[in-house]
Amino acid sequence: MFGYRVPAPDEAMLISGGRRGLGGAPFRVVTGHGKFVLPVFRKVRFLTLSMCESEVTETCVTRQGIALHVRAVIAFKVGNDHESIINAGQRFLSDQEQMSVLTGRIFAGHLRAIIGSMTVEEIVTERQKLAAEVLDTSKTEMAKIGLIVDSLQIQSIDDGDTGYIDAMSAPHKAAIQRQAQIAQAQATQTAAEAQQEAARKQAEYARQTAVVKAEYSAEVDRAQAQAAQAGPLAQAHAQQEVLAAQTELAQRQAKLRQQQLVAEVVKPAEAEAERVRILAAAEAQRMKIQAEAAASYDRVALDRMLIDQLPQIVKEAAGGLAGANVNVLNGADGLGEIAAGLVSQGLTILDSVRQNLGSQDSDSARPAGNRSESKGNGLLQLPTSQEKKSNDGPVDVD
């Protein structure tokens, strides 16, 4: 519609002419809605309500007399209330760029004043405190011109070529470097320990793997060796059994041969030796009897006859022994007992002959008829070898 004006959301519409504004202001303030303005009779101007920025770069001297180059940024705007808009409109409506210039100058002055009351250490370490003090001291002055400050940021603080800040930060840098070196050394040590632990674990794993492989290889070798030795071992066992059987057979054959040698050689030799010994004993007895007969004059002829017959008697007895089936149970002792028995029998026969001869001597005084009976009984009738062989049986000597 012709004559109807509407301000932007970040603007304040100032209408001059006609009635004055509230509070005796030379213009009316319209924000947030439109207004019908009569052309020619009314004049409309717009004041920005958006955020503005001002940068301050100032050289300030601290309480210690050290010059610092400070750079700060101020964010400000026109206040939203009618009083602030009226104050700002009366001062900056024709040249709104002057708001940034004037704000920078105002804050530069307050910044120099605040820094002059502080030390470098306080300024460096307490920047927020510096910004807060500057804002507090400039708030009243900024309100008079209709501006409000949203924030103040200290961008940089530099002491130029004096090196004070660097010297002040040297201990901290050294401590930080020392801590960094310690941290680096600890990290290196930790990394080395981790590497050593990893290497140890790898070596342990390799050792365990090698041990397991060696055990498996040894087990496989043992199995292969056992499999390879199974055939030769079985053959060796079989040969051992054959050798054991052959050894047992040889022992039995040797025992049998020994028994055969005893039966064929030893026992006949012992019997022959016993026979010779018996003959020698008989010969000795003959010589004894012969000596006794020589000592007796009355019985010389009789004893000589007995002596002549005694070898024949013993020979017949020995011949009967040789042809008899004799089982000797106790070896040489049994043969000795047999020989002793034969000699004893020979002596018994000799005594019987002597008794018969004695009885003949006693009968010599008898009549002739009686002597003939005695003469018929005076001769000893020995059995022949054939009769002994038929009458003699097996003789067991215990």
Foldseek 3Di string as FASTA:
>chain_A
DPQKDADDQQKWKWKAADDDDPPRQRTHIDHDGIDRGDPPRIDIAIDGFDKDKAKEWDWAAALVRFIKTWIKMWIKGFDPDPVLVSLQCVPDRVPVVVVRVVVRVLLRVLLNVLRHHHDPVCCVVPVVVSFVSSQVVCQVVQVNSRMHIPGMGTDDMGRPPPCPVVVVCVVVVVVVVVVVVVVVVVVVVVVVVVVVVVVVVVVVVVVVVVVVVVVVVVVVVVVVVCVVCVVVVVVVVVVVVVVVVVVVVVVVVVVVVVVVCCVPPVQVVLLVVLLVVLLVVLVVVLVVLQVVLVVDPVCVVVSVVLSVCLSVQLVLVSLLVVLAAEDEDPPNVQSVVVSVVSVVVSVVVVVVLVVLVVVLVVCVPPDPVVNVVSVVVNDDDDDGSVVSSVPDHYDYGD
